[in-house]
Amino acid sequence: MNRETRSCFDSIDSAHEFLDLLSETVTEVRQEIDAEMKEASDSQSPRRLQALQTVSYKLDNLAVYMKKSCRILNDLRTLRRLLSGGTGCCAAAVSKAAEMATSEGACDLAGCDGALHSRL
């Protein structure tokens, strides 16, 4: 990997910016595909229309994954901010939230399997 590629993911913030740009690109491409689908539905090319529908479906899936990834990165940024406080009320609040989530068996953080709580 070259230096430019690695720098996109040097921090949570830079990875989040990258995902934002990728999400914008997916949205733009989705709009282009929608326009092409309208043209293909008017023409006599059913295979092209099917291919465009498949592309549309895959772009929708990618958009969902982008949103989920952005939410996970937001959760990580929030946790980093809470933990960087280190001591005092922030650390106590994180510990209290971890205890509550562990005792209730549920966590609101996207992608959390509860393993993090035992380390907090």
N, C-alpha and C. Protein backbone atom coordinates (compact mmCIF):
# COMPACT_ATOMS: atom_id res chain seq x y z
N MET A 1 0.83 -1.19 0.00
CA MET A 1 0.00 0.00 0.00
C MET A 1 0.87 1.24 0.00
N ASN A 2 0.47 2.22 -0.79
CA ASN A 2 1.25 3.45 -0.81
C ASN A 2 0.85 4.37 0.33
N ARG A 3 1.57 5.43 0.50
CA ARG A 3 1.37 6.36 1.63
C ARG A 3 0.01 7.04 1.57
N GLU A 4 -0.47 7.41 0.37
CA GLU A 4 -1.75 8.08 0.25
C GLU A 4 -2.88 7.20 0.74
N THR A 5 -2.87 5.94 0.41
CA THR A 5 -3.92 5.02 0.82
C THR A 5 -3.93 4.86 2.33
N ARG A 6 -2.77 4.70 2.92
CA ARG A 6 -2.70 4.53 4.36
C ARG A 6 -3.16 5.78 5.09
N SER A 7 -2.92 6.96 4.55
CA SER A 7 -3.28 8.19 5.24
C SER A 7 -4.79 8.39 5.32
N CYS A 8 -5.55 7.74 4.45
CA CYS A 8 -7.01 7.84 4.51
C CYS A 8 -7.55 7.22 5.80
N PHE A 9 -6.80 6.30 6.37
CA PHE A 9 -7.29 5.58 7.53
C PHE A 9 -6.38 5.72 8.74
N ASP A 10 -5.66 6.83 8.81
CA ASP A 10 -4.77 7.06 9.94
C ASP A 10 -5.54 7.33 11.23
N SER A 11 -6.76 7.81 11.10
CA SER A 11 -7.55 8.10 12.29
C SER A 11 -9.02 7.80 12.00
N ILE A 12 -9.79 7.75 13.05
CA ILE A 12 -11.23 7.55 12.90
C ILE A 12 -11.84 8.69 12.10
N ASP A 13 -11.37 9.90 12.35
CA ASP A 13 -11.92 11.07 11.64
C ASP A 13 -11.64 11.03 10.15
N SER A 14 -10.42 10.63 9.77
CA SER A 14 -10.11 10.57 8.35
C SER A 14 -10.87 9.44 7.66
N ALA A 15 -11.08 8.33 8.37
CA ALA A 15 -11.87 7.24 7.81
C ALA A 15 -13.32 7.69 7.63
N HIS A 16 -13.82 8.47 8.58
CA HIS A 16 -15.19 8.98 8.48
C HIS A 16 -15.33 9.93 7.29
N GLU A 17 -14.35 10.78 7.08
CA GLU A 17 -14.37 11.69 5.92
C GLU A 17 -14.36 10.89 4.62
N PHE A 18 -13.54 9.84 4.57
CA PHE A 18 -13.49 8.99 3.39
C PHE A 18 -14.86 8.36 3.12
N LEU A 19 -15.50 7.84 4.17
CA LEU A 19 -16.83 7.23 4.00
C LEU A 19 -17.87 8.25 3.56
N ASP A 20 -17.75 9.49 4.05
CA ASP A 20 -18.67 10.54 3.60
C ASP A 20 -18.52 10.79 2.11
N LEU A 21 -17.28 10.87 1.63
CA LEU A 21 -17.05 11.07 0.20
C LEU A 21 -17.56 9.88 -0.62
N LEU A 22 -17.31 8.69 -0.12
CA LEU A 22 -17.79 7.50 -0.80
C LEU A 22 -19.31 7.46 -0.85
N SER A 23 -19.96 7.85 0.23
CA SER A 23 -21.42 7.90 0.27
C SER A 23 -21.98 8.90 -0.75
N GLU A 24 -21.33 10.05 -0.85
CA GLU A 24 -21.76 11.04 -1.84
C GLU A 24 -21.63 10.48 -3.26
N THR A 25 -20.53 9.79 -3.51
CA THR A 25 -20.31 9.20 -4.84
C THR A 25 -21.35 8.15 -5.14
N VAL A 26 -21.68 7.32 -4.16
CA VAL A 26 -22.70 6.30 -4.35
C VAL A 26 -24.04 6.94 -4.68
N THR A 27 -24.37 8.03 -4.00
CA THR A 27 -25.63 8.74 -4.27
C THR A 27 -25.66 9.30 -5.69
N GLU A 28 -24.55 9.89 -6.11
CA GLU A 28 -24.48 10.44 -7.47
C GLU A 28 -24.62 9.34 -8.52
N VAL A 29 -23.93 8.24 -8.32
CA VAL A 29 -24.00 7.13 -9.27
C VAL A 29 -25.41 6.55 -9.29
N ARG A 30 -26.04 6.48 -8.12
CA ARG A 30 -27.41 5.96 -8.03
C ARG A 30 -28.35 6.82 -8.87
N GLN A 31 -28.19 8.13 -8.83
CA GLN A 31 -29.03 9.03 -9.62
C GLN A 31 -28.79 8.82 -11.12
N GLU A 32 -27.54 8.61 -11.50
CA GLU A 32 -27.23 8.35 -12.91
C GLU A 32 -27.85 7.03 -13.38
N ILE A 33 -27.80 6.02 -12.52
CA ILE A 33 -28.37 4.72 -12.87
C ILE A 33 -29.89 4.83 -12.99
N ASP A 34 -30.51 5.60 -12.12
CA ASP A 34 -31.97 5.81 -12.21
C ASP A 34 -32.35 6.41 -13.56
N ALA A 35 -31.57 7.40 -13.99
CA ALA A 35 -31.84 8.04 -15.29
C ALA A 35 -31.66 7.04 -16.43
N GLU A 36 -30.60 6.23 -16.34
CA GLU A 36 -30.36 5.23 -17.38
C GLU A 36 -31.46 4.16 -17.38
N MET A 37 -31.98 3.83 -16.21
CA MET A 37 -33.06 2.85 -16.13
C MET A 37 -34.33 3.36 -16.82
N LYS A 38 -34.60 4.66 -16.69
CA LYS A 38 -35.76 5.24 -17.36
C LYS A 38 -35.60 5.15 -18.87
N GLU A 39 -34.39 5.44 -19.35
CA GLU A 39 -34.12 5.34 -20.79
C GLU A 39 -34.21 3.89 -21.26
N ALA A 40 -33.69 2.98 -20.47
CA ALA A 40 -33.69 1.56 -20.85
C ALA A 40 -35.10 0.98 -20.84
N SER A 41 -35.95 1.48 -19.96
CA SER A 41 -37.32 0.96 -19.93
C SER A 41 -38.11 1.41 -21.15
N ASP A 42 -37.74 2.55 -21.75
CA ASP A 42 -38.39 3.03 -22.96
C ASP A 42 -37.88 2.31 -24.20
N SER A 43 -36.67 1.80 -24.14
CA SER A 43 -36.09 1.12 -25.31
C SER A 43 -36.47 -0.36 -25.31
N GLN A 44 -36.01 -1.04 -26.31
CA GLN A 44 -36.30 -2.47 -26.46
C GLN A 44 -35.12 -3.32 -26.00
N SER A 45 -34.57 -3.00 -24.84
CA SER A 45 -33.40 -3.73 -24.34
C SER A 45 -33.67 -4.26 -22.92
N PRO A 46 -34.37 -5.39 -22.82
CA PRO A 46 -34.69 -5.91 -21.48
C PRO A 46 -33.46 -6.38 -20.69
N ARG A 47 -32.45 -6.89 -21.39
CA ARG A 47 -31.23 -7.32 -20.68
C ARG A 47 -30.51 -6.14 -20.05
N ARG A 48 -30.46 -5.04 -20.76
CA ARG A 48 -29.83 -3.83 -20.21
C ARG A 48 -30.60 -3.35 -18.99
N LEU A 49 -31.92 -3.37 -19.08
CA LEU A 49 -32.74 -2.93 -17.95
C LEU A 49 -32.51 -3.84 -16.74
N GLN A 50 -32.44 -5.14 -16.96
CA GLN A 50 -32.17 -6.07 -15.86
C GLN A 50 -30.80 -5.82 -15.24
N ALA A 51 -29.83 -5.57 -16.08
CA ALA A 51 -28.48 -5.29 -15.56
C ALA A 51 -28.48 -3.99 -14.74
N LEU A 52 -29.17 -2.98 -15.21
CA LEU A 52 -29.25 -1.72 -14.47
C LEU A 52 -30.00 -1.89 -13.16
N GLN A 53 -31.02 -2.74 -13.15
CA GLN A 53 -31.75 -3.02 -11.92
C GLN A 53 -30.85 -3.72 -10.90
N THR A 54 -30.00 -4.60 -11.39
CA THR A 54 -29.04 -5.27 -10.51
C THR A 54 -28.04 -4.27 -9.94
N VAL A 55 -27.55 -3.38 -10.78
CA VAL A 55 -26.63 -2.33 -10.31
C VAL A 55 -27.32 -1.46 -9.26
N SER A 56 -28.56 -1.11 -9.52
CA SER A 56 -29.32 -0.30 -8.58
C SER A 56 -29.45 -1.00 -7.23
N TYR A 57 -29.76 -2.27 -7.27
CA TYR A 57 -29.90 -3.07 -6.04
C TYR A 57 -28.58 -3.10 -5.27
N LYS A 58 -27.49 -3.33 -5.96
CA LYS A 58 -26.18 -3.39 -5.32
C LYS A 58 -25.78 -2.03 -4.73
N LEU A 59 -26.12 -0.95 -5.44
CA LEU A 59 -25.83 0.39 -4.92
C LEU A 59 -26.65 0.68 -3.66
N ASP A 60 -27.89 0.22 -3.64
CA ASP A 60 -28.71 0.37 -2.44
C ASP A 60 -28.07 -0.35 -1.26
N ASN A 61 -27.61 -1.59 -1.51
CA ASN A 61 -26.93 -2.34 -0.45
C ASN A 61 -25.69 -1.60 0.04
N LEU A 62 -24.91 -1.08 -0.89
CA LEU A 62 -23.69 -0.35 -0.54
C LEU A 62 -24.03 0.89 0.28
N ALA A 63 -25.09 1.59 -0.09
CA ALA A 63 -25.50 2.78 0.67
C ALA A 63 -25.86 2.42 2.11
N VAL A 64 -26.54 1.30 2.30
CA VAL A 64 -26.88 0.85 3.65
C VAL A 64 -25.62 0.57 4.45
N TYR A 65 -24.67 -0.12 3.84
CA TYR A 65 -23.41 -0.42 4.54
C TYR A 65 -22.63 0.85 4.85
N MET A 66 -22.69 1.83 3.97
CA MET A 66 -22.00 3.10 4.23
C MET A 66 -22.61 3.79 5.46
N LYS A 67 -23.95 3.79 5.53
CA LYS A 67 -24.62 4.41 6.69
C LYS A 67 -24.25 3.69 7.98
N LYS A 68 -24.27 2.35 7.93
CA LYS A 68 -23.91 1.58 9.12
C LYS A 68 -22.47 1.86 9.53
N SER A 69 -21.58 1.92 8.56
CA SER A 69 -20.17 2.18 8.86
C SER A 69 -19.98 3.57 9.45
N CYS A 70 -20.69 4.55 8.93
CA CYS A 70 -20.60 5.91 9.49
C CYS A 70 -21.10 5.95 10.92
N ARG A 71 -22.18 5.22 11.19
CA ARG A 71 -22.69 5.17 12.57
C ARG A 71 -21.68 4.52 13.51
N ILE A 72 -21.05 3.45 13.05
CA ILE A 72 -20.05 2.79 13.88
C ILE A 72 -18.88 3.73 14.15
N LEU A 73 -18.44 4.45 13.13
CA LEU A 73 -17.35 5.41 13.33
C LEU A 73 -17.77 6.53 14.27
N ASN A 74 -19.02 6.98 14.18
CA ASN A 74 -19.52 7.98 15.12
C ASN A 74 -19.48 7.44 16.55
N ASP A 75 -19.90 6.19 16.72
CA ASP A 75 -19.85 5.57 18.05
C ASP A 75 -18.42 5.53 18.56
N LEU A 76 -17.48 5.16 17.69
CA LEU A 76 -16.08 5.10 18.10
C LEU A 76 -15.54 6.48 18.46
N ARG A 77 -15.93 7.50 17.70
CA ARG A 77 -15.48 8.85 18.04
C ARG A 77 -16.03 9.29 19.38
N THR A 78 -17.29 8.96 19.64
CA THR A 78 -17.91 9.31 20.92
C THR A 78 -17.20 8.60 22.07
N LEU A 79 -16.94 7.32 21.88
CA LEU A 79 -16.24 6.57 22.92
C LEU A 79 -14.83 7.11 23.14
N ARG A 80 -14.16 7.47 22.05
CA ARG A 80 -12.81 8.04 22.19
C ARG A 80 -12.86 9.32 23.01
N ARG A 81 -13.85 10.18 22.71
CA ARG A 81 -13.98 11.42 23.47
C ARG A 81 -14.25 11.15 24.95
N LEU A 82 -15.14 10.20 25.21
CA LEU A 82 -15.45 9.87 26.60
C LEU A 82 -14.23 9.31 27.32
N LEU A 83 -13.51 8.44 26.64
CA LEU A 83 -12.36 7.82 27.28
C LEU A 83 -11.16 8.74 27.38
N SER A 84 -11.04 9.69 26.48
CA SER A 84 -9.90 10.60 26.53
C SER A 84 -9.99 11.53 27.73
N GLY A 85 -11.19 11.68 28.29
CA GLY A 85 -11.34 12.44 29.52
C GLY A 85 -10.58 11.77 30.64
N GLY A 86 -10.48 10.44 30.55
CA GLY A 86 -9.64 9.67 31.46
C GLY A 86 -10.18 9.53 32.86
N THR A 87 -10.33 10.62 33.57
CA THR A 87 -10.77 10.56 34.96
C THR A 87 -11.98 11.43 35.15
N GLY A 88 -12.51 11.37 36.32
CA GLY A 88 -13.61 12.26 36.66
C GLY A 88 -14.95 11.73 36.20
N CYS A 89 -15.84 12.66 35.94
CA CYS A 89 -17.23 12.30 35.66
C CYS A 89 -17.38 11.51 34.36
N CYS A 90 -16.56 11.78 33.36
CA CYS A 90 -16.69 11.05 32.09
C CYS A 90 -16.39 9.58 32.27
N ALA A 91 -15.31 9.27 32.96
CA ALA A 91 -14.96 7.87 33.18
C ALA A 91 -16.03 7.19 34.02
N ALA A 92 -16.56 7.90 35.02
CA ALA A 92 -17.61 7.33 35.85
C ALA A 92 -18.87 7.09 35.04
N ALA A 93 -19.20 8.01 34.14
CA ALA A 93 -20.38 7.86 33.30
C ALA A 93 -20.24 6.68 32.36
N VAL A 94 -19.06 6.49 31.78
CA VAL A 94 -18.82 5.36 30.89
C VAL A 94 -18.95 4.06 31.67
N SER A 95 -18.37 4.00 32.87
CA SER A 95 -18.45 2.79 33.69
C SER A 95 -19.90 2.49 34.06
N LYS A 96 -20.64 3.51 34.44
CA LYS A 96 -22.05 3.33 34.79
C LYS A 96 -22.85 2.83 33.60
N ALA A 97 -22.63 3.41 32.41
CA ALA A 97 -23.34 2.99 31.21
C ALA A 97 -22.98 1.55 30.86
N ALA A 98 -21.72 1.18 31.04
CA ALA A 98 -21.29 -0.19 30.75
C ALA A 98 -21.96 -1.18 31.70
N GLU A 99 -22.05 -0.81 32.99
CA GLU A 99 -22.72 -1.68 33.96
C GLU A 99 -24.19 -1.86 33.62
N MET A 100 -24.85 -0.76 33.27
CA MET A 100 -26.27 -0.83 32.93
C MET A 100 -26.49 -1.68 31.69
N ALA A 101 -25.68 -1.49 30.67
CA ALA A 101 -25.83 -2.25 29.43
C ALA A 101 -25.56 -3.72 29.67
N THR A 102 -24.58 -4.02 30.51
CA THR A 102 -24.26 -5.42 30.80
C THR A 102 -25.38 -6.07 31.59
N SER A 103 -25.92 -5.35 32.57
CA SER A 103 -26.98 -5.93 33.39
C SER A 103 -28.27 -6.09 32.61
N GLU A 104 -28.54 -5.18 31.67
CA GLU A 104 -29.75 -5.28 30.87
C GLU A 104 -29.56 -6.19 29.67
N GLY A 105 -28.31 -6.49 29.31
CA GLY A 105 -28.04 -7.39 28.21
C GLY A 105 -28.22 -6.76 26.84
N ALA A 106 -28.33 -5.45 26.79
CA ALA A 106 -28.51 -4.79 25.49
C ALA A 106 -27.67 -3.53 25.45
N CYS A 107 -27.24 -3.21 24.26
CA CYS A 107 -26.43 -2.01 24.06
C CYS A 107 -26.95 -1.28 22.85
N ASP A 108 -27.02 0.03 22.91
CA ASP A 108 -27.51 0.83 21.79
C ASP A 108 -26.44 1.10 20.74
N LEU A 109 -25.19 0.80 21.05
CA LEU A 109 -24.13 1.08 20.11
C LEU A 109 -24.19 0.11 18.94
N ALA A 110 -24.10 0.65 17.73
CA ALA A 110 -24.17 -0.18 16.52
C ALA A 110 -23.03 -1.17 16.51
N GLY A 111 -23.34 -2.43 16.27
CA GLY A 111 -22.33 -3.45 16.14
C GLY A 111 -21.74 -3.94 17.45
N CYS A 112 -22.29 -3.50 18.57
CA CYS A 112 -21.72 -3.89 19.86
C CYS A 112 -22.20 -5.27 20.24
N ASP A 113 -21.27 -6.14 20.61
CA ASP A 113 -21.62 -7.48 21.03
C ASP A 113 -21.48 -7.64 22.54
N GLY A 114 -21.22 -6.55 23.23
CA GLY A 114 -21.09 -6.58 24.67
C GLY A 114 -19.67 -6.82 25.16
N ALA A 115 -18.76 -7.23 24.30
CA ALA A 115 -17.39 -7.52 24.71
C ALA A 115 -16.68 -6.28 25.22
N LEU A 116 -17.02 -5.13 24.67
CA LEU A 116 -16.37 -3.89 25.08
C LEU A 116 -16.69 -3.55 26.52
N HIS A 117 -17.88 -3.89 26.97
CA HIS A 117 -18.32 -3.49 28.29
C HIS A 117 -17.46 -4.08 29.40
N SER A 118 -16.98 -5.28 29.20
CA SER A 118 -16.16 -5.89 30.22
C SER A 118 -14.81 -5.19 30.35
N ARG A 119 -14.39 -4.48 29.30
CA ARG A 119 -13.10 -3.79 29.33
C ARG A 119 -13.22 -2.35 29.83
N LEU A 120 -14.44 -1.83 29.92
CA LEU A 120 -14.61 -0.44 30.36
C LEU A 120 -14.48 -0.29 31.85
